[in-house]
C-alpha atoms as a PDB file:
ATOM      1  CA  MET A   1     -32.690  -9.548   8.125  1.00  0.00           C
ATOM      2  CA  ALA A   2     -33.031  -6.594   5.773  1.00  0.00           C
ATOM      3  CA  THR A   3     -33.052  -6.851   1.982  1.00  0.00           C
ATOM      4  CA  ASP A   4     -29.795  -6.445   0.063  1.00  0.00           C
ATOM      5  CA  ARG A   5     -30.869  -3.018  -1.175  1.00  0.00           C
ATOM      6  CA  ARG A   6     -31.738  -1.843   2.323  1.00  0.00           C
ATOM      7  CA  LEU A   7     -28.460  -3.242   3.682  1.00  0.00           C
ATOM      8  CA  ARG A   8     -26.476  -1.361   1.035  1.00  0.00           C
ATOM      9  CA  GLY A   9     -28.232   1.880   1.977  1.00  0.00           C
ATOM     10  CA  THR A  10     -27.550   1.296   5.661  1.00  0.00           C
ATOM     11  CA  ILE A  11     -23.914   0.501   4.922  1.00  0.00           C
ATOM     12  CA  ARG A  12     -23.469   3.699   2.895  1.00  0.00           C
ATOM     13  CA  LEU A  13     -24.973   5.786   5.689  1.00  0.00           C
ATOM     14  CA  LYS A  14     -22.796   4.117   8.328  1.00  0.00           C
ATOM     15  CA  LEU A  15     -19.677   4.558   6.184  1.00  0.00           C
ATOM     16  CA  GLU A  16     -20.424   8.273   5.791  1.00  0.00           C
ATOM     17  CA  ALA A  17     -20.950   8.581   9.551  1.00  0.00           C
ATOM     18  CA  LYS A  18     -17.724   6.614  10.140  1.00  0.00           C
ATOM     19  CA  LEU A  19     -19.634   3.956  12.063  1.00  0.00           C
ATOM     20  CA  LEU A  20     -18.160   1.295   9.749  1.00  0.00           C
ATOM     21  CA  PRO A  21     -14.618   1.135   8.393  1.00  0.00           C
ATOM     22  CA  ARG A  22     -13.968   1.463   4.659  1.00  0.00           C
ATOM     23  CA  GLU A  23     -10.924  -0.773   4.717  1.00  0.00           C
ATOM     24  CA  GLN A  24     -10.677  -4.286   6.015  1.00  0.00           C
ATOM     25  CA  SER A  25      -7.485  -4.381   7.986  1.00  0.00           C
ATOM     26  CA  GLY A  26      -6.447  -5.838  11.288  1.00  0.00           C
ATOM     27  CA  ARG A  27      -7.375  -9.231  12.674  1.00  0.00           C
ATOM     28  CA  LEU A  28     -10.398 -11.099  11.303  1.00  0.00           C
ATOM     29  CA  TRP A  29     -12.176 -14.071  12.871  1.00  0.00           C
ATOM     30  CA  ALA A  30     -15.233 -16.108  11.939  1.00  0.00           C
ATOM     31  CA  GLY A  31     -17.138 -18.397  14.243  1.00  0.00           C
ATOM     32  CA  PRO A  32     -20.442 -19.068  15.931  1.00  0.00           C
ATOM     33  CA  GLY A  33     -22.341 -16.001  17.061  1.00  0.00           C
ATOM     34  CA  ASN A  34     -22.833 -15.205  20.709  1.00  0.00           C
ATOM     35  CA  ASN A  35     -25.718 -12.721  20.455  1.00  0.00           C
ATOM     36  CA  GLU A  36     -23.413  -9.903  19.350  1.00  0.00           C
ATOM     37  CA  VAL A  37     -25.140  -6.998  17.625  1.00  0.00           C
ATOM     38  CA  CYS A  38     -24.306  -6.808  13.927  1.00  0.00           C
ATOM     39  CA  SER A  39     -22.564  -3.530  13.106  1.00  0.00           C
ATOM     40  CA  VAL A  40     -24.531  -3.296   9.837  1.00  0.00           C
ATOM     41  CA  CYS A  41     -28.140  -4.353  10.463  1.00  0.00           C
ATOM     42  CA  ASP A  42     -28.184  -3.891  14.270  1.00  0.00           C
ATOM     43  CA  GLU A  43     -29.730  -7.353  14.757  1.00  0.00           C
ATOM     44  CA  LYS A  44     -28.256 -10.033  17.010  1.00  0.00           C
ATOM     45  CA  VAL A  45     -25.975 -12.689  15.551  1.00  0.00           C
ATOM     46  CA  THR A  46     -27.375 -15.789  17.213  1.00  0.00           C
ATOM     47  CA  LYS A  47     -25.479 -18.885  18.276  1.00  0.00           C
ATOM     48  CA  LYS A  48     -26.931 -20.700  15.257  1.00  0.00           C
ATOM     49  CA  GLN A  49     -25.405 -18.106  12.899  1.00  0.00           C
ATOM     50  CA  THR A  50     -21.816 -17.321  11.933  1.00  0.00           C
ATOM     51  CA  VAL A  51     -20.315 -13.987  12.908  1.00  0.00           C
ATOM     52  CA  TYR A  52     -17.415 -12.183  11.272  1.00  0.00           C
ATOM     53  CA  GLU A  53     -15.528 -10.168  13.855  1.00  0.00           C
ATOM     54  CA  TRP A  54     -12.480  -8.060  13.362  1.00  0.00           C
ATOM     55  CA  GLU A  55     -10.409  -5.601  15.286  1.00  0.00           C
ATOM     56  CA  TYR A  56      -8.954  -2.667  13.445  1.00  0.00           C
ATOM     57  CA  ALA A  57      -7.260   0.576  14.430  1.00  0.00           C
ATOM     58  CA  GLY A  58     -10.638   2.282  14.980  1.00  0.00           C
ATOM     59  CA  GLY A  59     -12.302  -0.447  17.034  1.00  0.00           C
ATOM     60  CA  LYS A  60     -14.089  -3.746  16.554  1.00  0.00           C
ATOM     61  CA  VAL A  61     -17.024  -4.754  14.360  1.00  0.00           C
ATOM     62  CA  HIS A  62     -19.281  -7.811  14.182  1.00  0.00           C
ATOM     63  CA  MET A  63     -21.283  -8.797  11.098  1.00  0.00           C
ATOM     64  CA  HIS A  64     -23.560 -11.511   9.792  1.00  0.00           C
ATOM     65  CA  ILE A  65     -22.096 -13.213   6.728  1.00  0.00           C
ATOM     66  CA  ALA A  66     -24.695 -11.574   4.445  1.00  0.00           C
ATOM     67  CA  CYS A  67     -23.978  -8.140   5.950  1.00  0.00           C
ATOM     68  CA  TYR A  68     -20.236  -8.684   5.543  1.00  0.00           C
ATOM     69  CA  GLU A  69     -20.726  -9.637   1.886  1.00  0.00           C
ATOM     70  CA  GLU A  70     -22.824  -6.520   1.208  1.00  0.00           C
ATOM     71  CA  TRP A  71     -20.250  -4.345   3.020  1.00  0.00           C
ATOM     72  CA  ASN A  72     -17.567  -5.767   0.704  1.00  0.00           C
ATOM     73  CA  LYS A  73     -19.706  -4.980  -2.363  1.00  0.00           C
ATOM     74  CA  VAL A  74     -20.374  -1.413  -1.254  1.00  0.00           C
ATOM     75  CA  CYS A  75     -16.675  -0.882  -0.574  1.00  0.00           C
ATOM     76  CA  GLY A  76     -15.825  -2.181  -4.058  1.00  0.00           C
ATOM     77  CA  ARG A  77     -14.279  -5.533  -3.232  1.00  0.00           C
END
């Protein structure tokens, strides 16, 4: 997985391109991964890892825990 600094840069770019939401709203789940592609780092979330998944008005995103935490930091939470 990418470094924190690289993740933050990727998150900022994806926020600007509206590929990631700025607000966490909608329904949020956490559980074992199922080889989903992380919406931040574009790597698979394996069955041995935990995935955060949520549906929001603009779609659905999946994230590794570390990616989710960095997304929260970038968004000021």
